C-alpha atoms as a PDB file:
ATOM      1  CA  MET A   1      99.131 -94.759  30.878  1.00  0.00           C
ATOM      2  CA  LYS A   2     100.961 -92.304  33.426  1.00  0.00           C
ATOM      3  CA  ILE A   3      98.500 -89.435  32.949  1.00  0.00           C
ATOM      4  CA  LYS A   4      95.212 -91.634  32.986  1.00  0.00           C
ATOM      5  CA  LEU A   5      96.814 -92.927  36.394  1.00  0.00           C
ATOM      6  CA  SER A   6      97.311 -89.178  37.916  1.00  0.00           C
ATOM      7  CA  ILE A   7      93.864 -88.440  36.758  1.00  0.00           C
ATOM      8  CA  ILE A   8      92.804 -91.199  38.500  1.00  0.00           C
ATOM      9  CA  PHE A   9      94.833 -90.887  41.870  1.00  0.00           C
ATOM     10  CA  CYS A  10      94.530 -86.927  41.339  1.00  0.00           C
ATOM     11  CA  SER A  11      90.406 -87.858  41.512  1.00  0.00           C
ATOM     12  CA  LEU A  12      90.239 -90.387  43.876  1.00  0.00           C
ATOM     13  CA  ILE A  13      92.208 -88.213  46.553  1.00  0.00           C
ATOM     14  CA  ALA A  14      89.575 -85.141  45.843  1.00  0.00           C
ATOM     15  CA  PHE A  15      86.333 -87.578  46.261  1.00  0.00           C
ATOM     16  CA  PHE A  16      87.854 -88.750  49.732  1.00  0.00           C
ATOM     17  CA  LEU A  17      88.453 -85.389  50.655  1.00  0.00           C
ATOM     18  CA  LEU A  18      84.955 -84.225  49.612  1.00  0.00           C
ATOM     19  CA  GLU A  19      83.521 -87.431  51.739  1.00  0.00           C
ATOM     20  CA  SER A  20      85.835 -86.263  54.671  1.00  0.00           C
ATOM     21  CA  ASN A  21      84.563 -82.330  54.389  1.00  0.00           C
ATOM     22  CA  GLY A  22      80.840 -83.775  54.091  1.00  0.00           C
ATOM     23  CA  ILE A  23      81.159 -85.730  57.358  1.00  0.00           C
ATOM     24  CA  LYS A  24      82.290 -82.912  58.601  1.00  0.00           C
ATOM     25  CA  SER A  25      79.986 -80.903  57.735  1.00  0.00           C
ATOM     26  CA  SER A  26      77.263 -83.209  58.418  1.00  0.00           C
ATOM     27  CA  VAL A  27      78.400 -83.739  61.826  1.00  0.00           C
ATOM     28  CA  GLN A  28      78.543 -79.927  62.614  1.00  0.00           C
ATOM     29  CA  SER A  29      75.311 -79.217  60.985  1.00  0.00           C
ATOM     30  CA  ASP A  30      73.707 -81.781  63.542  1.00  0.00           C
ATOM     31  CA  TYR A  31      74.996 -79.753  66.472  1.00  0.00           C
ATOM     32  CA  ILE A  32      73.769 -76.567  65.463  1.00  0.00           C
ATOM     33  CA  ILE A  33      70.003 -75.418  65.928  1.00  0.00           C
ATOM     34  CA  GLN A  34      69.208 -72.670  63.488  1.00  0.00           C
ATOM     35  CA  LYS A  35      67.103 -69.628  64.652  1.00  0.00           C
ATOM     36  CA  LYS A  36      65.482 -66.505  62.695  1.00  0.00           C
ATOM     37  CA  ASP A  37      68.178 -63.981  64.216  1.00  0.00           C
ATOM     38  CA  GLY A  38      71.089 -66.623  64.786  1.00  0.00           C
ATOM     39  CA  GLN A  39      71.614 -70.285  65.832  1.00  0.00           C
ATOM     40  CA  ILE A  40      72.106 -72.207  68.875  1.00  0.00           C
ATOM     41  CA  ILE A  41      75.789 -74.453  68.772  1.00  0.00           C
ATOM     42  CA  LEU A  42      75.564 -77.955  70.642  1.00  0.00           C
ATOM     43  CA  ALA A  43      79.614 -78.016  70.736  1.00  0.00           C
ATOM     44  CA  TYR A  44      79.400 -80.056  73.716  1.00  0.00           C
ATOM     45  CA  LYS A  45      78.345 -82.740  71.490  1.00  0.00           C
ATOM     46  CA  ALA A  46      81.276 -82.124  69.384  1.00  0.00           C
ATOM     47  CA  PHE A  47      82.941 -82.020  72.719  1.00  0.00           C
ATOM     48  CA  GLU A  48      82.060 -85.623  73.652  1.00  0.00           C
ATOM     49  CA  ASP A  49      82.676 -87.010  69.802  1.00  0.00           C
ATOM     50  CA  PHE A  50      86.651 -86.160  71.306  1.00  0.00           C
ATOM     51  CA  LEU A  51      86.065 -88.192  74.579  1.00  0.00           C
ATOM     52  CA  ASN A  52      85.194 -91.518  72.034  1.00  0.00           C
ATOM     53  CA  SER A  53      88.399 -90.594  70.120  1.00  0.00           C
ATOM     54  CA  ASP A  54      91.672 -90.887  70.447  1.00  0.00           C
ATOM     55  CA  LYS A  55      91.953 -87.907  72.464  1.00  0.00           C
ATOM     56  CA  SER A  56      94.825 -86.663  70.846  1.00  0.00           C
ATOM     57  CA  TRP A  57      95.356 -82.704  70.645  1.00  0.00           C
ATOM     58  CA  LYS A  58      95.323 -83.521  67.117  1.00  0.00           C
ATOM     59  CA  SER A  59      91.662 -85.029  67.576  1.00  0.00           C
ATOM     60  CA  TYR A  60      90.868 -82.125  69.493  1.00  0.00           C
ATOM     61  CA  LYS A  61      91.435 -79.494  67.368  1.00  0.00           C
ATOM     62  CA  SER A  62      89.961 -81.370  64.245  1.00  0.00           C
ATOM     63  CA  ILE A  63      86.939 -82.544  66.272  1.00  0.00           C
ATOM     64  CA  LEU A  64      86.225 -79.107  68.298  1.00  0.00           C
ATOM     65  CA  LEU A  65      88.008 -76.188  67.415  1.00  0.00           C
ATOM     66  CA  ASP A  66      88.218 -76.316  64.099  1.00  0.00           C
ATOM     67  CA  PRO A  67      84.669 -76.796  63.073  1.00  0.00           C
ATOM     68  CA  PHE A  68      83.618 -74.378  65.693  1.00  0.00           C
ATOM     69  CA  PRO A  69      84.827 -70.910  65.869  1.00  0.00           C
ATOM     70  CA  SER A  70      83.187 -69.783  68.911  1.00  0.00           C
ATOM     71  CA  VAL A  71      84.718 -73.146  70.877  1.00  0.00           C
ATOM     72  CA  GLN A  72      87.981 -71.614  69.515  1.00  0.00           C
ATOM     73  CA  LYS A  73      87.080 -67.682  70.502  1.00  0.00           C
ATOM     74  CA  VAL A  74      86.174 -69.660  74.268  1.00  0.00           C
ATOM     75  CA  HIS A  75      89.469 -71.190  74.435  1.00  0.00           C
ATOM     76  CA  ASN A  76      91.527 -68.267  73.315  1.00  0.00           C
ATOM     77  CA  ARG A  77      89.632 -66.423  75.188  1.00  0.00           C
ATOM     78  CA  MET A  78      90.516 -68.765  78.213  1.00  0.00           C
ATOM     79  CA  ILE A  79      94.165 -68.024  77.463  1.00  0.00           C
ATOM     80  CA  GLU A  80      94.062 -64.682  77.674  1.00  0.00           C
ATOM     81  CA  TRP A  81      92.551 -64.829  81.511  1.00  0.00           C
ATOM     82  CA  GLY A  82      95.646 -67.416  82.612  1.00  0.00           C
ATOM     83  CA  SER A  83      92.638 -69.919  82.810  1.00  0.00           C
ATOM     84  CA  ILE A  84      94.281 -72.445  80.683  1.00  0.00           C
ATOM     85  CA  ASP A  85      98.179 -73.256  80.266  1.00  0.00           C
ATOM     86  CA  ILE A  86      98.809 -72.911  76.137  1.00  0.00           C
ATOM     87  CA  VAL A  87     101.827 -75.189  76.524  1.00  0.00           C
ATOM     88  CA  LYS A  88     100.301 -77.880  79.351  1.00  0.00           C
ATOM     89  CA  PHE A  89      96.718 -77.875  78.103  1.00  0.00           C
ATOM     90  CA  PRO A  90      97.417 -79.816  74.883  1.00  0.00           C
ATOM     91  CA  LYS A  91      98.543 -82.556  76.845  1.00  0.00           C
ATOM     92  CA  GLU A  92      95.553 -82.377  79.646  1.00  0.00           C
ATOM     93  CA  VAL A  93      93.055 -83.116  76.783  1.00  0.00           C
ATOM     94  CA  GLU A  94      94.829 -86.509  76.581  1.00  0.00           C
ATOM     95  CA  ASN A  95      93.999 -87.367  80.110  1.00  0.00           C
ATOM     96  CA  PHE A  96      89.995 -86.738  80.298  1.00  0.00           C
ATOM     97  CA  LYS A  97      87.741 -88.898  81.200  1.00  0.00           C
ATOM     98  CA  LYS A  98      84.072 -89.318  79.642  1.00  0.00           C
ATOM     99  CA  ASP A  99      82.924 -90.333  83.615  1.00  0.00           C
ATOM    100  CA  ASP A 100      83.997 -86.360  84.549  1.00  0.00           C
ATOM    101  CA  PHE A 101      82.074 -84.949  82.288  1.00  0.00           C
ATOM    102  CA  GLU A 102      78.769 -87.672  81.749  1.00  0.00           C
ATOM    103  CA  LYS A 103      76.555 -85.447  84.459  1.00  0.00           C
ATOM    104  CA  PHE A 104      77.347 -81.990  82.753  1.00  0.00           C
ATOM    105  CA  MET A 105      76.793 -83.057  79.127  1.00  0.00           C
ATOM    106  CA  THR A 106      73.548 -84.608  80.209  1.00  0.00           C
ATOM    107  CA  GLN A 107      72.079 -81.720  82.608  1.00  0.00           C
ATOM    108  CA  TYR A 108      70.129 -79.649  80.080  1.00  0.00           C
ATOM    109  CA  ASP A 109      67.604 -81.170  77.420  1.00  0.00           C
ATOM    110  CA  LEU A 110      66.616 -79.021  74.302  1.00  0.00           C
ATOM    111  CA  LYS A 111      63.589 -77.631  76.066  1.00  0.00           C
ATOM    112  CA  THR A 112      65.616 -76.078  77.986  1.00  0.00           C
ATOM    113  CA  ILE A 113      68.071 -74.847  75.789  1.00  0.00           C
ATOM    114  CA  ASN A 114      65.478 -73.711  73.171  1.00  0.00           C
ATOM    115  CA  TYR A 115      63.600 -71.302  75.764  1.00  0.00           C
ATOM    116  CA  LEU A 116      66.824 -69.996  76.945  1.00  0.00           C
ATOM    117  CA  TYR A 117      67.026 -68.477  73.095  1.00  0.00           C
ATOM    118  CA  ASP A 118      63.544 -67.798  72.230  1.00  0.00           C
ATOM    119  CA  SER A 119      61.445 -66.933  75.473  1.00  0.00           C
ATOM    120  CA  VAL A 120      64.161 -64.776  77.371  1.00  0.00           C
ATOM    121  CA  ILE A 121      65.338 -62.906  74.136  1.00  0.00           C
ATOM    122  CA  GLU A 122      61.487 -62.757  73.672  1.00  0.00           C
ATOM    123  CA  MET A 123      61.372 -61.083  77.083  1.00  0.00           C
ATOM    124  CA  ALA A 124      64.378 -58.598  77.103  1.00  0.00           C
ATOM    125  CA  HIS A 125      62.397 -57.207  74.236  1.00  0.00           C
ATOM    126  CA  LYS A 126      59.663 -55.898  75.635  1.00  0.00           C
ATOM    127  CA  VAL A 127      62.222 -53.916  78.105  1.00  0.00           C
ATOM    128  CA  LEU A 128      64.602 -52.741  75.576  1.00  0.00           C
ATOM    129  CA  PRO A 129      64.555 -53.572  71.990  1.00  0.00           C
ATOM    130  CA  PRO A 130      67.387 -54.534  69.785  1.00  0.00           C
ATOM    131  CA  VAL A 131      68.368 -51.393  67.833  1.00  0.00           C
ATOM    132  CA  SER A 132      71.232 -53.558  65.418  1.00  0.00           C
ATOM    133  CA  ASN A 133      70.329 -56.435  62.940  1.00  0.00           C
ATOM    134  CA  LYS A 134      73.810 -58.336  64.378  1.00  0.00           C
ATOM    135  CA  LYS A 135      73.078 -62.236  64.322  1.00  0.00           C
ATOM    136  CA  VAL A 136      72.930 -63.792  68.223  1.00  0.00           C
ATOM    137  CA  ASP A 137      74.345 -67.364  68.648  1.00  0.00           C
ATOM    138  CA  LEU A 138      74.050 -68.809  71.872  1.00  0.00           C
ATOM    139  CA  CYS A 139      77.365 -71.490  72.392  1.00  0.00           C
ATOM    140  CA  PHE A 140      76.649 -74.544  74.489  1.00  0.00           C
ATOM    141  CA  TYR A 141      80.618 -75.724  75.157  1.00  0.00           C
ATOM    142  CA  LEU A 142      82.837 -77.929  77.509  1.00  0.00           C
ATOM    143  CA  PRO A 143      85.288 -78.182  78.923  1.00  0.00           C
ATOM    144  CA  TYR A 144      85.857 -74.553  79.592  1.00  0.00           C
ATOM    145  CA  GLY A 145      83.727 -72.950  82.417  1.00  0.00           C
ATOM    146  CA  GLY A 146      82.441 -69.718  82.304  1.00  0.00           C
ATOM    147  CA  CYS A 147      79.916 -67.343  81.118  1.00  0.00           C
ATOM    148  CA  PHE A 148      80.083 -64.178  78.412  1.00  0.00           C
ATOM    149  CA  VAL A 149      79.446 -62.312  75.416  1.00  0.00           C
ATOM    150  CA  ILE A 150      82.025 -62.475  72.364  1.00  0.00           C
ATOM    151  CA  PRO A 151      80.923 -59.023  70.140  1.00  0.00           C
ATOM    152  CA  GLU A 152      81.829 -58.599  67.200  1.00  0.00           C
ATOM    153  CA  ASP A 153      81.076 -56.433  63.930  1.00  0.00           C
ATOM    154  CA  SER A 154      77.946 -58.301  62.783  1.00  0.00           C
ATOM    155  CA  LEU A 155      77.767 -61.267  65.142  1.00  0.00           C
ATOM    156  CA  ASN A 156      77.180 -61.411  69.263  1.00  0.00           C
ATOM    157  CA  THR A 157      78.028 -65.075  70.694  1.00  0.00           C
ATOM    158  CA  ILE A 158      76.651 -65.909  74.090  1.00  0.00           C
ATOM    159  CA  CYS A 159      78.913 -68.547  75.353  1.00  0.00           C
ATOM    160  CA  VAL A 160      77.593 -71.054  78.207  1.00  0.00           C
ATOM    161  CA  SER A 161      79.601 -73.739  79.690  1.00  0.00           C
ATOM    162  CA  MET A 162      77.904 -76.765  80.840  1.00  0.00           C
ATOM    163  CA  TYR A 163      79.171 -76.838  83.983  1.00  0.00           C
ATOM    164  CA  ILE A 164      76.583 -74.230  84.794  1.00  0.00           C
ATOM    165  CA  ASP A 165      73.517 -75.090  86.893  1.00  0.00           C
ATOM    166  CA  PRO A 166      70.334 -75.137  84.974  1.00  0.00           C
ATOM    167  CA  ALA A 167      68.673 -73.520  87.984  1.00  0.00           C
ATOM    168  CA  GLU A 168      70.488 -70.741  86.785  1.00  0.00           C
ATOM    169  CA  ALA A 169      70.931 -70.469  83.162  1.00  0.00           C
ATOM    170  CA  GLU A 170      67.773 -67.975  82.764  1.00  0.00           C
ATOM    171  CA  LYS A 171      68.937 -65.807  85.377  1.00  0.00           C
ATOM    172  CA  ILE A 172      72.479 -66.011  83.321  1.00  0.00           C
ATOM    173  CA  MET A 173      70.886 -65.649  79.813  1.00  0.00           C
ATOM    174  CA  ALA A 174      69.267 -62.908  80.918  1.00  0.00           C
ATOM    175  CA  HIS A 175      72.375 -61.292  82.342  1.00  0.00           C
ATOM    176  CA  GLU A 176      74.034 -61.416  79.151  1.00  0.00           C
ATOM    177  CA  TYR A 177      71.666 -60.701  76.486  1.00  0.00           C
ATOM    178  CA  SER A 178      71.517 -57.557  78.467  1.00  0.00           C
ATOM    179  CA  HIS A 179      75.382 -56.736  77.603  1.00  0.00           C
ATOM    180  CA  ILE A 180      74.461 -57.114  74.233  1.00  0.00           C
ATOM    181  CA  LEU A 181      71.846 -55.144  74.096  1.00  0.00           C
ATOM    182  CA  HIS A 182      74.168 -52.447  75.916  1.00  0.00           C
ATOM    183  CA  ILE A 183      77.059 -53.135  73.757  1.00  0.00           C
ATOM    184  CA  ASP A 184      75.157 -52.625  70.597  1.00  0.00           C
ATOM    185  CA  ARG A 185      73.839 -48.854  72.294  1.00  0.00           C
ATOM    186  CA  LYS A 186      76.988 -47.720  73.670  1.00  0.00           C
ATOM    187  CA  PRO A 187      80.044 -45.704  72.761  1.00  0.00           C
ATOM    188  CA  LYS A 188      83.113 -48.175  72.190  1.00  0.00           C
ATOM    189  CA  GLU A 189      85.389 -47.462  75.196  1.00  0.00           C
ATOM    190  CA  THR A 190      88.759 -48.602  76.568  1.00  0.00           C
ATOM    191  CA  LEU A 191      88.831 -50.920  79.228  1.00  0.00           C
ATOM    192  CA  THR A 192      88.472 -49.489  82.526  1.00  0.00           C
ATOM    193  CA  LEU A 193      86.721 -50.264  86.040  1.00  0.00           C
ATOM    194  CA  ARG A 194      84.621 -47.697  85.088  1.00  0.00           C
ATOM    195  CA  GLY A 195      83.602 -48.993  81.797  1.00  0.00           C
ATOM    196  CA  GLU A 196      83.306 -52.367  83.528  1.00  0.00           C
ATOM    197  CA  VAL A 197      80.827 -51.372  86.411  1.00  0.00           C
ATOM    198  CA  VAL A 198      78.711 -49.832  84.330  1.00  0.00           C
ATOM    199  CA  SER A 199      78.514 -52.419  82.123  1.00  0.00           C
ATOM    200  CA  GLU A 200      78.051 -54.961  85.331  1.00  0.00           C
ATOM    201  CA  GLY A 201      75.825 -52.110  86.524  1.00  0.00           C
ATOM    202  CA  MET A 202      73.877 -52.084  83.548  1.00  0.00           C
ATOM    203  CA  ALA A 203      73.722 -55.937  82.915  1.00  0.00           C
ATOM    204  CA  VAL A 204      72.366 -56.259  86.445  1.00  0.00           C
ATOM    205  CA  TYR A 205      69.391 -54.167  86.450  1.00  0.00           C
ATOM    206  CA  LEU A 206      67.950 -55.426  83.147  1.00  0.00           C
ATOM    207  CA  THR A 207      67.917 -59.127  83.696  1.00  0.00           C
ATOM    208  CA  ASN A 208      66.051 -57.530  87.086  1.00  0.00           C
ATOM    209  CA  ARG A 209      63.900 -56.178  84.740  1.00  0.00           C
ATOM    210  CA  ILE A 210      63.662 -59.000  81.984  1.00  0.00           C
ATOM    211  CA  ILE A 211      62.794 -61.811  84.475  1.00  0.00           C
ATOM    212  CA  LYS A 212      61.530 -60.136  87.349  1.00  0.00           C
ATOM    213  CA  ILE A 213      63.757 -61.449  90.334  1.00  0.00           C
ATOM    214  CA  ASP A 214      64.654 -59.744  93.462  1.00  0.00           C
ATOM    215  CA  VAL A 215      67.601 -57.379  93.111  1.00  0.00           C
ATOM    216  CA  SER A 216      68.896 -59.460  95.737  1.00  0.00           C
ATOM    217  CA  ASN A 217      69.416 -62.517  93.353  1.00  0.00           C
ATOM    218  CA  SER A 218      69.749 -60.897  90.000  1.00  0.00           C
ATOM    219  CA  VAL A 219      73.877 -60.749  90.359  1.00  0.00           C
ATOM    220  CA  PRO A 220      75.020 -63.948  88.897  1.00  0.00           C
ATOM    221  CA  PHE A 221      77.405 -66.415  90.971  1.00  0.00           C
ATOM    222  CA  MET A 222      76.499 -64.002  93.958  1.00  0.00           C
ATOM    223  CA  PRO A 223      74.759 -65.272  96.647  1.00  0.00           C
ATOM    224  CA  LYS A 224      72.606 -63.347  98.581  1.00  0.00           C
ATOM    225  CA  SER A 225      74.438 -62.913 101.597  1.00  0.00           C
ATOM    226  CA  SER A 226      77.375 -61.253  99.730  1.00  0.00           C
ATOM    227  CA  PHE A 227      74.191 -58.989  98.110  1.00  0.00           C
ATOM    228  CA  GLU A 228      73.609 -58.076 101.490  1.00  0.00           C
ATOM    229  CA  TRP A 229      76.913 -57.525 102.725  1.00  0.00           C
ATOM    230  CA  CYS A 230      77.144 -54.801 100.153  1.00  0.00           C
ATOM    231  CA  MET A 231      74.065 -53.077 101.470  1.00  0.00           C
ATOM    232  CA  ASN A 232      75.957 -53.157 105.186  1.00  0.00           C
ATOM    233  CA  ASN A 233      79.302 -51.895 103.703  1.00  0.00           C
ATOM    234  CA  GLU A 234      78.432 -49.637 100.859  1.00  0.00           C
ATOM    235  CA  GLN A 235      80.063 -46.892 101.724  1.00  0.00           C
ATOM    236  CA  GLN A 236      83.110 -48.817 102.273  1.00  0.00           C
ATOM    237  CA  ILE A 237      83.366 -50.670  98.515  1.00  0.00           C
ATOM    238  CA  LYS A 238      82.071 -47.010  96.861  1.00  0.00           C
ATOM    239  CA  ASP A 239      85.561 -45.877  98.318  1.00  0.00           C
ATOM    240  CA  SER A 240      87.756 -48.367  97.393  1.00  0.00           C
ATOM    241  CA  ILE A 241      86.125 -48.676  93.721  1.00  0.00           C
ATOM    242  CA  LYS A 242      86.215 -44.612  93.576  1.00  0.00           C
ATOM    243  CA  LEU A 243      90.337 -44.911  93.888  1.00  0.00           C
ATOM    244  CA  GLU A 244      90.595 -47.347  90.892  1.00  0.00           C
ATOM    245  CA  LEU A 245      87.979 -46.189  88.568  1.00  0.00           C
ATOM    246  CA  ASN A 246      91.076 -45.674  85.534  1.00  0.00           C
ATOM    247  CA  ASP A 247      92.529 -48.936  86.289  1.00  0.00           C
ATOM    248  CA  THR A 248      92.994 -50.529  83.340  1.00  0.00           C
ATOM    249  CA  SER A 249      94.741 -53.655  83.974  1.00  0.00           C
ATOM    250  CA  GLN A 250      93.302 -56.920  83.702  1.00  0.00           C
ATOM    251  CA  ARG A 251      93.638 -56.675  88.062  1.00  0.00           C
ATOM    252  CA  LEU A 252      90.519 -54.984  87.668  1.00  0.00           C
ATOM    253  CA  TYR A 253      88.877 -58.083  87.501  1.00  0.00           C
ATOM    254  CA  LYS A 254      90.519 -59.977  90.273  1.00  0.00           C
ATOM    255  CA  ARG A 255      89.167 -57.432  92.510  1.00  0.00           C
ATOM    256  CA  TYR A 256      85.779 -56.381  91.508  1.00  0.00           C
ATOM    257  CA  ILE A 257      84.272 -58.471  88.693  1.00  0.00           C
ATOM    258  CA  SER A 258      85.922 -62.262  88.800  1.00  0.00           C
ATOM    259  CA  ASP A 259      84.424 -65.204  91.409  1.00  0.00           C
ATOM    260  CA  GLY A 260      85.634 -68.526  92.211  1.00  0.00           C
ATOM    261  CA  ALA A 261      89.599 -69.837  93.870  1.00  0.00           C
ATOM    262  CA  GLY A 262      92.529 -68.579  91.415  1.00  0.00           C
ATOM    263  CA  PHE A 263      90.020 -66.210  89.526  1.00  0.00           C
ATOM    264  CA  SER A 264      89.258 -63.941  92.503  1.00  0.00           C
ATOM    265  CA  VAL A 265      91.134 -61.881  95.082  1.00  0.00           C
ATOM    266  CA  PRO A 266      88.930 -58.982  96.358  1.00  0.00           C
ATOM    267  CA  PRO A 267      90.019 -56.845  98.629  1.00  0.00           C
ATOM    268  CA  LYS A 268      90.651 -57.545 102.307  1.00  0.00           C
ATOM    269  CA  GLY A 269      87.249 -58.344 104.130  1.00  0.00           C
ATOM    270  CA  PHE A 270      85.411 -57.693 100.206  1.00  0.00           C
ATOM    271  CA  VAL A 271      83.381 -60.358  99.012  1.00  0.00           C
ATOM    272  CA  GLU A 272      83.476 -61.330  95.753  1.00  0.00           C
ATOM    273  CA  LYS A 273      81.597 -59.110  92.465  1.00  0.00           C
ATOM    274  CA  THR A 274      81.145 -55.636  94.019  1.00  0.00           C
ATOM    275  CA  ALA A 275      81.595 -53.781  90.741  1.00  0.00           C
ATOM    276  CA  TYR A 276      78.377 -55.642  90.054  1.00  0.00           C
ATOM    277  CA  PHE A 277      76.220 -54.096  93.147  1.00  0.00           C
ATOM    278  CA  ILE A 278      77.933 -50.864  92.645  1.00  0.00           C
ATOM    279  CA  GLY A 279      77.437 -50.492  89.063  1.00  0.00           C
ATOM    280  CA  TYR A 280      73.685 -51.742  90.019  1.00  0.00           C
ATOM    281  CA  ARG A 281      73.521 -48.829  92.375  1.00  0.00           C
ATOM    282  CA  ILE A 282      74.727 -46.591  89.636  1.00  0.00           C
ATOM    283  CA  ILE A 283      72.306 -47.271  87.121  1.00  0.00           C
ATOM    284  CA  GLU A 284      69.022 -47.267  89.926  1.00  0.00           C
ATOM    285  CA  LYS A 285      70.400 -43.473  90.793  1.00  0.00           C
ATOM    286  CA  CYS A 286      69.841 -42.519  87.243  1.00  0.00           C
ATOM    287  CA  ILE A 287      66.406 -44.038  86.765  1.00  0.00           C
ATOM    288  CA  ASN A 288      65.703 -42.453  90.093  1.00  0.00           C
ATOM    289  CA  LYS A 289      67.055 -39.040  88.295  1.00  0.00           C
ATOM    290  CA  GLY A 290      64.313 -40.096  86.050  1.00  0.00           C
ATOM    291  CA  MET A 291      66.861 -41.330  82.674  1.00  0.00           C
ATOM    292  CA  THR A 292      65.473 -43.815  80.670  1.00  0.00           C
ATOM    293  CA  ILE A 293      67.557 -47.135  79.793  1.00  0.00           C
ATOM    294  CA  GLU A 294      68.127 -46.022  76.953  1.00  0.00           C
ATOM    295  CA  GLU A 295      69.218 -42.656  77.413  1.00  0.00           C
ATOM    296  CA  ILE A 296      71.629 -44.355  79.946  1.00  0.00           C
ATOM    297  CA  CYS A 297      72.736 -47.344  77.261  1.00  0.00           C
ATOM    298  CA  SER A 298      73.559 -44.702  74.701  1.00  0.00           C
ATOM    299  CA  LEU A 299      76.489 -42.316  76.942  1.00  0.00           C
ATOM    300  CA  GLY A 300      80.020 -43.106  77.762  1.00  0.00           C
ATOM    301  CA  SER A 301      80.817 -44.910  81.126  1.00  0.00           C
ATOM    302  CA  GLU A 302      82.238 -41.380  82.647  1.00  0.00           C
ATOM    303  CA  ALA A 303      79.565 -39.432  81.406  1.00  0.00           C
ATOM    304  CA  VAL A 304      76.705 -42.265  82.817  1.00  0.00           C
ATOM    305  CA  ILE A 305      78.531 -42.044  86.543  1.00  0.00           C
ATOM    306  CA  GLU A 306      78.891 -38.403  86.470  1.00  0.00           C
ATOM    307  CA  LYS A 307      75.036 -37.737  85.900  1.00  0.00           C
ATOM    308  CA  SER A 308      74.052 -40.707  88.721  1.00  0.00           C
ATOM    309  CA  GLU A 309      76.284 -38.300  90.963  1.00  0.00           C
ATOM    310  CA  TYR A 310      76.839 -41.733  93.220  1.00  0.00           C
ATOM    311  CA  PHE A 311      80.788 -40.705  94.019  1.00  0.00           C
ATOM    312  CA  LYS A 312      79.542 -37.103  94.964  1.00  0.00           C
ATOM    313  CA  ASN A 313      77.870 -38.070  98.374  1.00  0.00           C
ATOM    314  CA  LYS A 314      78.604 -39.902 101.136  1.00  0.00           C
END
């Protein structure tokens, strides 16, 4: 009798586990749009589910982080960048209010989201065809900010925060996908300001070609007035960056790449994101010398800068 009861008990546990996993799997699949070469992950919808829960850290993990590895990677990146405090954040989520996020959860519709994946990638391939068979995922998330690419051996994930104005989304998508087309071609390098300058410059150049906008509007989150400041102060920026090309610290992001209070601390008198402008000018120099985009993308950053001769002339 004890054996029979034990079997029944184990069967019930297995049943409930399967049911629970089935529900979780079903919810997760409802928030994923399958594409030929990847998927769109609507992780912000899972965040909304969290806001309708008891809002405990356990629920945050089980509803958002565990079922969606891409959001876990975003979470880890935020910790790495110092955007969230690993100790305080689990308590902070308990105080999230749905009203504070309502606007951001509804400002993108599915038509726009699908356009960003299908049409922008198609336009990009007309400028620079892909060279790898890697899957490309596009993840829309909350409650974190920012947008960036997470490159891996068999997958590239474009991460886009729902905080971003939909009016900027096409440019953001073109910029981040440009990084993927570049990453899949260039030699692997360790972190340096030199590498980041060339990387961002190529993304700006390709964005300009893909969606055909004025170059002064091609840098994500850089106002046209800041681009004009760069044009008028190019030599000053060039001299500053040239001295720091070999910098390998996280400081380089704050000085020349990041934007926003608390993230960006540019050199005194500088606007934010000047590495994007200088990088664009380097790529432009290479193109004017007759180099193809394909050729430039295949080179390491040191070789690109050397061939451009950008820092050799006053």
